[in-house]
């Protein structure tokens, strides 16, 4: 990898008094801030004046992020921007969010700015959501967890923050789940679920679910709807942790019913119909979610299993544990 070349020349607009005042304010607010405790907020200003200079601003922000990363011993840079960033940074991992996430972030912030009460706290709330998104990105992309300097370079939000994963609600939920199932098996199931949510099958959206762990109890509370396509196959061919098996999993996801896996990610069956009681759970499930979500929440209430559900209509992913939703991943953001 080649080290990023710092900005070598200064365009006219960067020499303007207005830019100088803004940059000075940027620097002053970047030191010693401790908003939300879980993040060091370095800046979150609307800089509409520089809307036409996004390329330059991204360079300024990335160079500033590199200095901060070097100072604090951070090895990851996360980018939330509508601009492409194709350069490699020697000694740093780059985590770049899809452009649509930056667009969605802008839309939410623009809504608050157009309202009668322009509350800056709402912007910080969006930064919090961005932190959770970055947590999910790092986890699903297989990055090792660690601090990252996050660069915000959208139309309404430009600035930097230090991301600390140990404060993430998403990662706390992951930790709860992997107390019962193999960590890599859980990551693999979420990755496959995300692929199903995004791609569907044969041009159409499909929904499915994966119930992991406490196999004996889960099997006793479910029945086979169709012939189990995994019956009699070698364990290696049923291991969800092996990416070579994912294509067949996505194919069988079209079958009605759920997948049942042991705590190590070995698929025991698919096409299972859950018969657990949904008493007292229907009113607790989010409106708009169907029978698959209710059934999976129910089985996790009656057993020690973890359930990962892919919604057919919205494509979102929901994780249940002990009858309660512990994680929600909007597939649109990925």
C-alpha atoms as a PDB file:
ATOM      1  CA  UNK A   1       0.000   0.000   0.000  1.00  0.00           C
ATOM      2  CA  UNK A   2       1.111   3.537  -0.657  1.00  0.00           C
ATOM      3  CA  UNK A   3       0.964   6.266   1.912  1.00  0.00           C
ATOM      4  CA  UNK A   4      -1.536   9.015   1.232  1.00  0.00           C
ATOM      5  CA  UNK A   5       0.035  12.199  -0.079  1.00  0.00           C
ATOM      6  CA  UNK A   6      -0.948  15.258   1.999  1.00  0.00           C
ATOM      7  CA  UNK A   7      -2.568  18.236   0.308  1.00  0.00           C
ATOM      8  CA  UNK A   8       0.209  19.934  -1.605  1.00  0.00           C
ATOM      9  CA  UNK A   9      -1.529  23.112  -2.724  1.00  0.00           C
ATOM     10  CA  UNK A  10      -4.232  25.358  -1.351  1.00  0.00           C
ATOM     11  CA  UNK A  11      -7.172  26.425  -3.540  1.00  0.00           C
ATOM     12  CA  UNK A  12      -8.454  29.984  -3.339  1.00  0.00           C
ATOM     13  CA  UNK A  13     -11.512  29.225  -1.245  1.00  0.00           C
ATOM     14  CA  UNK A  14      -9.341  27.654   1.469  1.00  0.00           C
ATOM     15  CA  UNK A  15      -7.590  31.019   1.883  1.00  0.00           C
ATOM     16  CA  UNK A  16     -10.812  32.911   2.557  1.00  0.00           C
ATOM     17  CA  UNK A  17     -11.370  34.515   6.011  1.00  0.00           C
ATOM     18  CA  UNK A  18     -14.612  32.571   6.384  1.00  0.00           C
ATOM     19  CA  UNK A  19     -12.810  29.269   5.933  1.00  0.00           C
ATOM     20  CA  UNK A  20     -10.100  30.335   8.396  1.00  0.00           C
ATOM     21  CA  UNK A  21     -12.680  31.191  11.057  1.00  0.00           C
ATOM     22  CA  UNK A  22     -14.471  27.886  10.526  1.00  0.00           C
ATOM     23  CA  UNK A  23     -11.252  25.887  10.642  1.00  0.00           C
ATOM     24  CA  UNK A  24     -10.243  27.690  13.850  1.00  0.00           C
ATOM     25  CA  UNK A  25     -13.607  26.836  15.400  1.00  0.00           C
ATOM     26  CA  UNK A  26     -13.186  23.265  14.164  1.00  0.00           C
ATOM     27  CA  UNK A  27      -9.823  22.976  15.913  1.00  0.00           C
ATOM     28  CA  UNK A  28     -11.010  24.558  19.170  1.00  0.00           C
ATOM     29  CA  UNK A  29     -13.962  22.209  19.453  1.00  0.00           C
ATOM     30  CA  UNK A  30     -11.882  19.171  18.580  1.00  0.00           C
ATOM     31  CA  UNK A  31      -9.932  19.199  21.859  1.00  0.00           C
ATOM     32  CA  UNK A  32     -11.145  17.793  25.148  1.00  0.00           C
ATOM     33  CA  UNK A  33     -14.745  17.187  24.141  1.00  0.00           C
ATOM     34  CA  UNK A  34     -16.485  14.250  25.787  1.00  0.00           C
ATOM     35  CA  UNK A  35     -20.059  14.215  24.519  1.00  0.00           C
ATOM     36  CA  UNK A  36     -21.978  10.933  24.871  1.00  0.00           C
ATOM     37  CA  UNK A  37     -19.016   9.592  26.912  1.00  0.00           C
ATOM     38  CA  UNK A  38     -18.708   6.741  24.384  1.00  0.00           C
ATOM     39  CA  UNK A  39     -17.307   9.056  21.717  1.00  0.00           C
ATOM     40  CA  UNK A  40     -14.998  12.009  21.590  1.00  0.00           C
ATOM     41  CA  UNK A  41     -16.928  14.458  19.460  1.00  0.00           C
ATOM     42  CA  UNK A  42     -14.466  16.516  17.520  1.00  0.00           C
ATOM     43  CA  UNK A  43     -16.863  18.345  15.224  1.00  0.00           C
ATOM     44  CA  UNK A  44     -20.397  18.243  13.829  1.00  0.00           C
ATOM     45  CA  UNK A  45     -21.009  21.448  11.880  1.00  0.00           C
ATOM     46  CA  UNK A  46     -23.181  22.146   8.862  1.00  0.00           C
ATOM     47  CA  UNK A  47     -20.822  23.636   6.273  1.00  0.00           C
ATOM     48  CA  UNK A  48     -23.096  24.452   3.378  1.00  0.00           C
ATOM     49  CA  UNK A  49     -20.609  27.101   2.250  1.00  0.00           C
ATOM     50  CA  UNK A  50     -18.255  24.312   1.170  1.00  0.00           C
ATOM     51  CA  UNK A  51     -20.836  22.142  -0.574  1.00  0.00           C
ATOM     52  CA  UNK A  52     -19.073  22.621  -3.916  1.00  0.00           C
ATOM     53  CA  UNK A  53     -15.715  21.603  -2.537  1.00  0.00           C
ATOM     54  CA  UNK A  54     -16.399  18.124  -1.212  1.00  0.00           C
ATOM     55  CA  UNK A  55     -13.267  16.635  -2.700  1.00  0.00           C
ATOM     56  CA  UNK A  56     -11.092  19.170  -0.894  1.00  0.00           C
ATOM     57  CA  UNK A  57     -13.009  18.869   2.340  1.00  0.00           C
ATOM     58  CA  UNK A  58     -12.687  15.076   2.274  1.00  0.00           C
ATOM     59  CA  UNK A  59      -8.934  15.466   1.866  1.00  0.00           C
ATOM     60  CA  UNK A  60      -8.777  17.951   4.751  1.00  0.00           C
ATOM     61  CA  UNK A  61     -10.839  15.676   6.978  1.00  0.00           C
ATOM     62  CA  UNK A  62      -8.927  12.507   6.111  1.00  0.00           C
ATOM     63  CA  UNK A  63      -5.583  14.198   6.714  1.00  0.00           C
ATOM     64  CA  UNK A  64      -6.865  15.447  10.078  1.00  0.00           C
ATOM     65  CA  UNK A  65      -8.144  11.952  10.868  1.00  0.00           C
ATOM     66  CA  UNK A  66      -4.713  10.493  10.114  1.00  0.00           C
ATOM     67  CA  UNK A  67      -3.039  12.905  12.524  1.00  0.00           C
ATOM     68  CA  UNK A  68      -5.511  12.023  15.269  1.00  0.00           C
ATOM     69  CA  UNK A  69      -5.158   8.294  14.568  1.00  0.00           C
ATOM     70  CA  UNK A  70      -1.378   8.502  14.786  1.00  0.00           C
ATOM     71  CA  UNK A  71      -1.554  10.516  17.998  1.00  0.00           C
ATOM     72  CA  UNK A  72      -3.885   8.050  19.732  1.00  0.00           C
ATOM     73  CA  UNK A  73      -2.517   4.842  18.206  1.00  0.00           C
ATOM     74  CA  UNK A  74      -5.662   4.079  16.196  1.00  0.00           C
ATOM     75  CA  UNK A  75      -5.353   1.818  13.137  1.00  0.00           C
ATOM     76  CA  UNK A  76      -8.753   2.284  11.479  1.00  0.00           C
ATOM     77  CA  UNK A  77     -10.355   5.121   9.525  1.00  0.00           C
ATOM     78  CA  UNK A  78     -14.108   4.938   8.852  1.00  0.00           C
ATOM     79  CA  UNK A  79     -15.530   7.116   6.061  1.00  0.00           C
ATOM     80  CA  UNK A  80     -19.131   8.273   5.743  1.00  0.00           C
ATOM     81  CA  UNK A  81     -19.201  10.256   2.512  1.00  0.00           C
ATOM     82  CA  UNK A  82     -20.888  10.548  -0.867  1.00  0.00           C
ATOM     83  CA  UNK A  83     -17.462  10.914  -2.448  1.00  0.00           C
ATOM     84  CA  UNK A  84     -15.373   7.982  -3.633  1.00  0.00           C
ATOM     85  CA  UNK A  85     -12.165   7.377  -1.710  1.00  0.00           C
ATOM     86  CA  UNK A  86      -9.939   4.934  -3.560  1.00  0.00           C
ATOM     87  CA  UNK A  87      -6.560   5.724  -2.042  1.00  0.00           C
ATOM     88  CA  UNK A  88      -4.824   3.307   0.300  1.00  0.00           C
ATOM     89  CA  UNK A  89      -3.423   4.542   3.584  1.00  0.00           C
ATOM     90  CA  UNK A  90      -0.284   2.773   4.695  1.00  0.00           C
ATOM     91  CA  UNK A  91      -0.710   1.221   8.125  1.00  0.00           C
ATOM     92  CA  UNK A  92      -4.469   1.880   8.322  1.00  0.00           C
ATOM     93  CA  UNK A  93      -7.600  -0.162   7.653  1.00  0.00           C
ATOM     94  CA  UNK A  94     -10.271   1.744   5.717  1.00  0.00           C
ATOM     95  CA  UNK A  95     -13.945   1.107   6.408  1.00  0.00           C
ATOM     96  CA  UNK A  96     -16.102   2.964   3.882  1.00  0.00           C
ATOM     97  CA  UNK A  97     -19.861   3.136   4.233  1.00  0.00           C
ATOM     98  CA  UNK A  98     -22.008   2.888   1.092  1.00  0.00           C
ATOM     99  CA  UNK A  99     -23.008   6.263  -0.349  1.00  0.00           C
ATOM    100  CA  UNK A 100     -26.659   5.581   0.423  1.00  0.00           C
ATOM    101  CA  UNK A 101     -25.910   5.667   4.148  1.00  0.00           C
ATOM    102  CA  UNK A 102     -24.536   9.207   3.801  1.00  0.00           C
ATOM    103  CA  UNK A 103     -27.658  10.142   1.819  1.00  0.00           C
ATOM    104  CA  UNK A 104     -29.957   8.725   4.499  1.00  0.00           C
ATOM    105  CA  UNK A 105     -28.000  10.545   7.209  1.00  0.00           C
ATOM    106  CA  UNK A 106     -28.344  13.814   5.282  1.00  0.00           C
ATOM    107  CA  UNK A 107     -32.084  13.284   4.842  1.00  0.00           C
ATOM    108  CA  UNK A 108     -32.642  12.818   8.564  1.00  0.00           C
ATOM    109  CA  UNK A 109     -30.554  15.849   9.513  1.00  0.00           C
ATOM    110  CA  UNK A 110     -32.161  18.005   6.815  1.00  0.00           C
ATOM    111  CA  UNK A 111     -35.567  17.124   8.255  1.00  0.00           C
ATOM    112  CA  UNK A 112     -34.532  18.425  11.676  1.00  0.00           C
ATOM    113  CA  UNK A 113     -33.000  21.598  10.215  1.00  0.00           C
ATOM    114  CA  UNK A 114     -36.182  22.398   8.322  1.00  0.00           C
ATOM    115  CA  UNK A 115     -38.359  21.958  11.404  1.00  0.00           C
ATOM    116  CA  UNK A 116     -39.304  24.967  13.517  1.00  0.00           C
ATOM    117  CA  UNK A 117     -37.074  23.865  16.387  1.00  0.00           C
ATOM    118  CA  UNK A 118     -33.539  23.232  15.182  1.00  0.00           C
ATOM    119  CA  UNK A 119     -32.094  21.148  17.982  1.00  0.00           C
ATOM    120  CA  UNK A 120     -28.391  20.335  17.701  1.00  0.00           C
ATOM    121  CA  UNK A 121     -28.966  17.299  19.932  1.00  0.00           C
ATOM    122  CA  UNK A 122     -30.784  15.692  17.021  1.00  0.00           C
ATOM    123  CA  UNK A 123     -27.586  15.855  14.990  1.00  0.00           C
ATOM    124  CA  UNK A 124     -25.705  14.158  17.767  1.00  0.00           C
ATOM    125  CA  UNK A 125     -28.418  11.482  17.801  1.00  0.00           C
ATOM    126  CA  UNK A 126     -27.643  10.786  14.150  1.00  0.00           C
ATOM    127  CA  UNK A 127     -23.951  10.454  15.027  1.00  0.00           C
ATOM    128  CA  UNK A 128     -24.976   7.873  17.628  1.00  0.00           C
ATOM    129  CA  UNK A 129     -26.859   5.933  14.950  1.00  0.00           C
ATOM    130  CA  UNK A 130     -23.818   6.188  12.716  1.00  0.00           C
ATOM    131  CA  UNK A 131     -21.733   4.660  15.483  1.00  0.00           C
ATOM    132  CA  UNK A 132     -24.064   1.657  15.634  1.00  0.00           C
ATOM    133  CA  UNK A 133     -23.900   1.330  11.862  1.00  0.00           C
ATOM    134  CA  UNK A 134     -20.094   1.361  11.920  1.00  0.00           C
ATOM    135  CA  UNK A 135     -20.168  -1.332  14.612  1.00  0.00           C
ATOM    136  CA  UNK A 136     -22.276  -3.542  12.364  1.00  0.00           C
ATOM    137  CA  UNK A 137     -20.077  -2.807   9.337  1.00  0.00           C
ATOM    138  CA  UNK A 138     -16.905  -3.754  11.195  1.00  0.00           C
ATOM    139  CA  UNK A 139     -18.476  -6.920  12.553  1.00  0.00           C
ATOM    140  CA  UNK A 140     -20.016  -8.154   9.303  1.00  0.00           C
ATOM    141  CA  UNK A 141     -16.936  -7.284   7.236  1.00  0.00           C
ATOM    142  CA  UNK A 142     -14.729  -9.273   9.585  1.00  0.00           C
ATOM    143  CA  UNK A 143     -12.641  -6.384  10.923  1.00  0.00           C
ATOM    144  CA  UNK A 144     -11.066  -6.822  14.317  1.00  0.00           C
ATOM    145  CA  UNK A 145     -12.800  -4.644  16.840  1.00  0.00           C
ATOM    146  CA  UNK A 146     -10.914  -1.585  17.920  1.00  0.00           C
ATOM    147  CA  UNK A 147     -11.138   2.169  17.965  1.00  0.00           C
ATOM    148  CA  UNK A 148     -11.555   4.048  14.702  1.00  0.00           C
ATOM    149  CA  UNK A 149     -11.493   7.686  13.659  1.00  0.00           C
ATOM    150  CA  UNK A 150     -14.756   8.359  11.838  1.00  0.00           C
ATOM    151  CA  UNK A 151     -14.859  10.944   9.051  1.00  0.00           C
ATOM    152  CA  UNK A 152     -18.257  12.549   8.387  1.00  0.00           C
ATOM    153  CA  UNK A 153     -18.300  14.205   4.968  1.00  0.00           C
ATOM    154  CA  UNK A 154     -21.915  14.663   3.934  1.00  0.00           C
ATOM    155  CA  UNK A 155     -23.848  17.703   2.721  1.00  0.00           C
ATOM    156  CA  UNK A 156     -25.080  18.558   6.220  1.00  0.00           C
ATOM    157  CA  UNK A 157     -22.448  17.044   8.494  1.00  0.00           C
ATOM    158  CA  UNK A 158     -18.692  17.426   8.286  1.00  0.00           C
ATOM    159  CA  UNK A 159     -16.336  16.502  11.068  1.00  0.00           C
ATOM    160  CA  UNK A 160     -14.561  13.780  13.001  1.00  0.00           C
ATOM    161  CA  UNK A 161     -15.271  11.532  15.947  1.00  0.00           C
ATOM    162  CA  UNK A 162     -13.433   8.721  17.690  1.00  0.00           C
ATOM    163  CA  UNK A 163     -15.448   5.509  17.657  1.00  0.00           C
ATOM    164  CA  UNK A 164     -15.071   3.245  20.679  1.00  0.00           C
ATOM    165  CA  UNK A 165     -16.642  -0.187  19.983  1.00  0.00           C
ATOM    166  CA  UNK A 166     -16.930  -1.271  23.600  1.00  0.00           C
ATOM    167  CA  UNK A 167     -19.689   1.336  24.020  1.00  0.00           C
ATOM    168  CA  UNK A 168     -21.719   0.081  21.051  1.00  0.00           C
ATOM    169  CA  UNK A 169     -25.181  -1.363  21.725  1.00  0.00           C
ATOM    170  CA  UNK A 170     -24.773  -3.560  18.654  1.00  0.00           C
ATOM    171  CA  UNK A 171     -21.585  -5.140  19.958  1.00  0.00           C
ATOM    172  CA  UNK A 172     -23.090  -5.612  23.407  1.00  0.00           C
ATOM    173  CA  UNK A 173     -25.919  -7.567  21.751  1.00  0.00           C
ATOM    174  CA  UNK A 174     -23.369  -9.648  19.836  1.00  0.00           C
ATOM    175  CA  UNK A 175     -21.557 -10.445  23.084  1.00  0.00           C
ATOM    176  CA  UNK A 176     -24.823 -11.600  24.661  1.00  0.00           C
ATOM    177  CA  UNK A 177     -25.576 -13.909  21.741  1.00  0.00           C
ATOM    178  CA  UNK A 178     -22.127 -15.479  21.473  1.00  0.00           C
ATOM    179  CA  UNK A 179     -22.340 -16.542  25.101  1.00  0.00           C
ATOM    180  CA  UNK A 180     -24.632 -19.280  23.770  1.00  0.00           C
ATOM    181  CA  UNK A 181     -23.388 -19.938  20.237  1.00  0.00           C
ATOM    182  CA  UNK A 182     -20.013 -20.027  18.471  1.00  0.00           C
ATOM    183  CA  UNK A 183     -18.885 -16.452  17.637  1.00  0.00           C
ATOM    184  CA  UNK A 184     -17.913 -17.237  14.037  1.00  0.00           C
ATOM    185  CA  UNK A 185     -21.095 -19.243  13.508  1.00  0.00           C
ATOM    186  CA  UNK A 186     -23.181 -16.272  14.643  1.00  0.00           C
ATOM    187  CA  UNK A 187     -21.264 -13.902  12.373  1.00  0.00           C
ATOM    188  CA  UNK A 188     -21.716 -16.313   9.450  1.00  0.00           C
ATOM    189  CA  UNK A 189     -25.469 -16.552  10.024  1.00  0.00           C
ATOM    190  CA  UNK A 190     -25.808 -12.750  10.083  1.00  0.00           C
ATOM    191  CA  UNK A 191     -23.741 -12.486   6.892  1.00  0.00           C
ATOM    192  CA  UNK A 192     -25.853 -15.090   5.079  1.00  0.00           C
ATOM    193  CA  UNK A 193     -29.034 -13.440   6.370  1.00  0.00           C
ATOM    194  CA  UNK A 194     -27.849 -10.080   5.020  1.00  0.00           C
ATOM    195  CA  UNK A 195     -27.115 -11.638   1.615  1.00  0.00           C
ATOM    196  CA  UNK A 196     -30.600 -13.136   1.518  1.00  0.00           C
ATOM    197  CA  UNK A 197     -32.156  -9.816   2.562  1.00  0.00           C
ATOM    198  CA  UNK A 198     -30.295  -7.872  -0.124  1.00  0.00           C
ATOM    199  CA  UNK A 199     -30.317 -10.296  -3.044  1.00  0.00           C
ATOM    200  CA  UNK A 200     -33.370 -12.480  -2.495  1.00  0.00           C
ATOM    201  CA  UNK A 201     -33.511 -15.442  -4.820  1.00  0.00           C
ATOM    202  CA  UNK A 202     -34.237 -15.650  -8.539  1.00  0.00           C
ATOM    203  CA  UNK A 203     -35.247 -12.003  -8.665  1.00  0.00           C
ATOM    204  CA  UNK A 204     -37.707 -12.047  -5.784  1.00  0.00           C
ATOM    205  CA  UNK A 205     -37.547 -11.198  -2.112  1.00  0.00           C
ATOM    206  CA  UNK A 206     -37.659 -14.057   0.353  1.00  0.00           C
ATOM    207  CA  UNK A 207     -37.893 -14.342   4.109  1.00  0.00           C
ATOM    208  CA  UNK A 208     -36.381 -17.007   6.310  1.00  0.00           C
ATOM    209  CA  UNK A 209     -35.047 -17.634   9.809  1.00  0.00           C
ATOM    210  CA  UNK A 210     -32.154 -19.375  11.537  1.00  0.00           C
ATOM    211  CA  UNK A 211     -32.598 -20.852  15.021  1.00  0.00           C
ATOM    212  CA  UNK A 212     -29.238 -21.551  16.650  1.00  0.00           C
ATOM    213  CA  UNK A 213     -28.398 -23.625  19.714  1.00  0.00           C
ATOM    214  CA  UNK A 214     -30.313 -25.782  22.240  1.00  0.00           C
ATOM    215  CA  UNK A 215     -31.043 -28.171  19.370  1.00  0.00           C
ATOM    216  CA  UNK A 216     -32.788 -30.904  21.365  1.00  0.00           C
ATOM    217  CA  UNK A 217     -35.349 -28.498  22.814  1.00  0.00           C
ATOM    218  CA  UNK A 218     -35.848 -26.675  19.512  1.00  0.00           C
ATOM    219  CA  UNK A 219     -36.417 -29.921  17.593  1.00  0.00           C
ATOM    220  CA  UNK A 220     -38.921 -31.099  20.209  1.00  0.00           C
ATOM    221  CA  UNK A 221     -40.897 -27.880  19.692  1.00  0.00           C
ATOM    222  CA  UNK A 222     -40.912 -28.002  15.892  1.00  0.00           C
ATOM    223  CA  UNK A 223     -41.870 -30.386  13.102  1.00  0.00           C
ATOM    224  CA  UNK A 224     -40.621 -31.060   9.589  1.00  0.00           C
ATOM    225  CA  UNK A 225     -42.715 -29.458   6.832  1.00  0.00           C
ATOM    226  CA  UNK A 226     -40.805 -31.075   3.954  1.00  0.00           C
ATOM    227  CA  UNK A 227     -38.076 -33.683   3.554  1.00  0.00           C
ATOM    228  CA  UNK A 228     -34.983 -32.378   5.307  1.00  0.00           C
ATOM    229  CA  UNK A 229     -32.439 -31.677   2.521  1.00  0.00           C
ATOM    230  CA  UNK A 230     -29.558 -31.780   5.025  1.00  0.00           C
ATOM    231  CA  UNK A 231     -30.329 -35.235   6.385  1.00  0.00           C
ATOM    232  CA  UNK A 232     -27.457 -37.688   5.913  1.00  0.00           C
ATOM    233  CA  UNK A 233     -24.924 -35.137   4.652  1.00  0.00           C
ATOM    234  CA  UNK A 234     -21.409 -34.816   6.062  1.00  0.00           C
ATOM    235  CA  UNK A 235     -20.921 -32.292   8.833  1.00  0.00           C
ATOM    236  CA  UNK A 236     -18.463 -30.314   6.704  1.00  0.00           C
ATOM    237  CA  UNK A 237     -21.202 -29.771   4.100  1.00  0.00           C
ATOM    238  CA  UNK A 238     -23.581 -28.497   6.782  1.00  0.00           C
ATOM    239  CA  UNK A 239     -21.213 -26.052   8.463  1.00  0.00           C
ATOM    240  CA  UNK A 240     -22.521 -22.472   8.130  1.00  0.00           C
ATOM    241  CA  UNK A 241     -19.045 -21.163   8.974  1.00  0.00           C
ATOM    242  CA  UNK A 242     -17.772 -22.396   5.603  1.00  0.00           C
ATOM    243  CA  UNK A 243     -18.588 -19.795   2.885  1.00  0.00           C
ATOM    244  CA  UNK A 244     -18.626 -22.585   0.287  1.00  0.00           C
ATOM    245  CA  UNK A 245     -21.886 -23.792   1.846  1.00  0.00           C
ATOM    246  CA  UNK A 246     -23.644 -20.433   1.711  1.00  0.00           C
ATOM    247  CA  UNK A 247     -24.985 -20.811  -1.821  1.00  0.00           C
ATOM    248  CA  UNK A 248     -26.916 -23.958  -0.911  1.00  0.00           C
ATOM    249  CA  UNK A 249     -28.200 -22.274   2.261  1.00  0.00           C
ATOM    250  CA  UNK A 250     -29.532 -19.346   0.221  1.00  0.00           C
ATOM    251  CA  UNK A 251     -31.143 -21.801  -2.199  1.00  0.00           C
ATOM    252  CA  UNK A 252     -32.877 -23.752   0.584  1.00  0.00           C
ATOM    253  CA  UNK A 253     -33.984 -20.473   2.184  1.00  0.00           C
ATOM    254  CA  UNK A 254     -36.866 -20.520  -0.307  1.00  0.00           C
ATOM    255  CA  UNK A 255     -38.353 -23.505   1.531  1.00  0.00           C
ATOM    256  CA  UNK A 256     -41.080 -22.681   4.065  1.00  0.00           C
ATOM    257  CA  UNK A 257     -40.001 -23.023   7.659  1.00  0.00           C
ATOM    258  CA  UNK A 258     -36.782 -22.260   9.509  1.00  0.00           C
ATOM    259  CA  UNK A 259     -33.215 -23.529   9.620  1.00  0.00           C
ATOM    260  CA  UNK A 260     -32.150 -25.251  12.836  1.00  0.00           C
ATOM    261  CA  UNK A 261     -28.440 -25.133  13.690  1.00  0.00           C
ATOM    262  CA  UNK A 262     -26.461 -26.332  16.669  1.00  0.00           C
ATOM    263  CA  UNK A 263     -24.370 -23.932  18.738  1.00  0.00           C
ATOM    264  CA  UNK A 264     -21.339 -24.534  16.497  1.00  0.00           C
ATOM    265  CA  UNK A 265     -23.157 -23.579  13.302  1.00  0.00           C
ATOM    266  CA  UNK A 266     -23.797 -27.094  11.971  1.00  0.00           C
ATOM    267  CA  UNK A 267     -27.140 -27.145  10.143  1.00  0.00           C
ATOM    268  CA  UNK A 268     -29.371 -29.869  11.560  1.00  0.00           C
ATOM    269  CA  UNK A 269     -32.433 -29.238   9.410  1.00  0.00           C
ATOM    270  CA  UNK A 270     -34.310 -26.720   7.328  1.00  0.00           C
ATOM    271  CA  UNK A 271     -37.998 -26.494   6.561  1.00  0.00           C
ATOM    272  CA  UNK A 272     -38.948 -26.803  10.246  1.00  0.00           C
ATOM    273  CA  UNK A 273     -42.282 -25.497  11.530  1.00  0.00           C
ATOM    274  CA  UNK A 274     -42.039 -23.963  15.011  1.00  0.00           C
ATOM    275  CA  UNK A 275     -44.771 -25.016  17.433  1.00  0.00           C
ATOM    276  CA  UNK A 276     -43.801 -22.935  20.467  1.00  0.00           C
ATOM    277  CA  UNK A 277     -46.484 -20.943  22.260  1.00  0.00           C
ATOM    278  CA  UNK A 278     -46.807 -17.294  21.319  1.00  0.00           C
ATOM    279  CA  UNK A 279     -48.766 -16.412  24.447  1.00  0.00           C
ATOM    280  CA  UNK A 280     -47.966 -12.931  25.788  1.00  0.00           C
ATOM    281  CA  UNK A 281     -45.607 -12.227  22.874  1.00  0.00           C
ATOM    282  CA  UNK A 282     -47.918 -11.034  20.095  1.00  0.00           C
ATOM    283  CA  UNK A 283     -48.413  -7.620  21.691  1.00  0.00           C
ATOM    284  CA  UNK A 284     -44.657  -7.228  22.213  1.00  0.00           C
ATOM    285  CA  UNK A 285     -43.634  -7.826  18.590  1.00  0.00           C
ATOM    286  CA  UNK A 286     -43.254  -4.697  16.454  1.00  0.00           C
ATOM    287  CA  UNK A 287     -46.242  -3.870  14.305  1.00  0.00           C
ATOM    288  CA  UNK A 288     -45.906  -5.007  10.726  1.00  0.00           C
ATOM    289  CA  UNK A 289     -43.891  -8.118  11.559  1.00  0.00           C
ATOM    290  CA  UNK A 290     -45.524 -11.445  10.804  1.00  0.00           C
ATOM    291  CA  UNK A 291     -45.843 -15.016  12.017  1.00  0.00           C
ATOM    292  CA  UNK A 292     -42.203 -15.894  11.372  1.00  0.00           C
ATOM    293  CA  UNK A 293     -41.038 -13.235  13.841  1.00  0.00           C
ATOM    294  CA  UNK A 294     -43.599 -14.271  16.452  1.00  0.00           C
ATOM    295  CA  UNK A 295     -42.644 -17.947  16.119  1.00  0.00           C
ATOM    296  CA  UNK A 296     -38.930 -17.205  16.426  1.00  0.00           C
ATOM    297  CA  UNK A 297     -39.412 -14.932  19.420  1.00  0.00           C
ATOM    298  CA  UNK A 298     -41.498 -17.692  21.004  1.00  0.00           C
ATOM    299  CA  UNK A 299     -38.924 -20.451  20.510  1.00  0.00           C
ATOM    300  CA  UNK A 300     -36.207 -18.294  22.068  1.00  0.00           C
ATOM    301  CA  UNK A 301     -38.451 -17.643  25.064  1.00  0.00           C
ATOM    302  CA  UNK A 302     -39.013 -21.369  25.659  1.00  0.00           C
ATOM    303  CA  UNK A 303     -35.417 -22.442  24.936  1.00  0.00           C
ATOM    304  CA  UNK A 304     -31.849 -21.136  25.123  1.00  0.00           C
ATOM    305  CA  UNK A 305     -31.722 -20.704  21.344  1.00  0.00           C
ATOM    306  CA  UNK A 306     -30.894 -17.544  19.385  1.00  0.00           C
ATOM    307  CA  UNK A 307     -33.076 -16.709  16.362  1.00  0.00           C
ATOM    308  CA  UNK A 308     -32.073 -14.606  13.346  1.00  0.00           C
ATOM    309  CA  UNK A 309     -35.031 -13.597  11.171  1.00  0.00           C
ATOM    310  CA  UNK A 310     -35.021 -12.110   7.664  1.00  0.00           C
ATOM    311  CA  UNK A 311     -38.151 -10.126   6.847  1.00  0.00           C
ATOM    312  CA  UNK A 312     -39.563 -10.896   3.409  1.00  0.00           C
ATOM    313  CA  UNK A 313     -41.254  -7.518   3.023  1.00  0.00           C
ATOM    314  CA  UNK A 314     -38.611  -5.091   4.241  1.00  0.00           C
ATOM    315  CA  UNK A 315     -35.507  -7.255   4.151  1.00  0.00           C
ATOM    316  CA  UNK A 316     -34.543  -6.182   7.658  1.00  0.00           C
ATOM    317  CA  UNK A 317     -32.835  -8.612  10.019  1.00  0.00           C
ATOM    318  CA  UNK A 318     -34.038  -9.114  13.585  1.00  0.00           C
ATOM    319  CA  UNK A 319     -32.323 -11.174  16.285  1.00  0.00           C
ATOM    320  CA  UNK A 320     -34.259 -12.618  19.230  1.00  0.00           C
ATOM    321  CA  UNK A 321     -32.973 -13.952  22.547  1.00  0.00           C
ATOM    322  CA  UNK A 322     -35.117 -15.020  25.509  1.00  0.00           C
ATOM    323  CA  UNK A 323     -38.207 -13.864  23.628  1.00  0.00           C
ATOM    324  CA  UNK A 324     -36.880 -10.323  23.240  1.00  0.00           C
ATOM    325  CA  UNK A 325     -35.506  -8.459  20.226  1.00  0.00           C
ATOM    326  CA  UNK A 326     -31.839  -7.766  20.939  1.00  0.00           C
ATOM    327  CA  UNK A 327     -30.703  -6.593  17.516  1.00  0.00           C
ATOM    328  CA  UNK A 328     -32.183  -4.977  14.413  1.00  0.00           C
ATOM    329  CA  UNK A 329     -30.210  -4.527  11.190  1.00  0.00           C
ATOM    330  CA  UNK A 330     -31.814  -2.494   8.349  1.00  0.00           C
ATOM    331  CA  UNK A 331     -30.460  -4.206   5.228  1.00  0.00           C
ATOM    332  CA  UNK A 332     -31.063  -0.994   3.229  1.00  0.00           C
ATOM    333  CA  UNK A 333     -28.042   0.599   4.910  1.00  0.00           C
ATOM    334  CA  UNK A 334     -25.676  -2.094   3.659  1.00  0.00           C
END
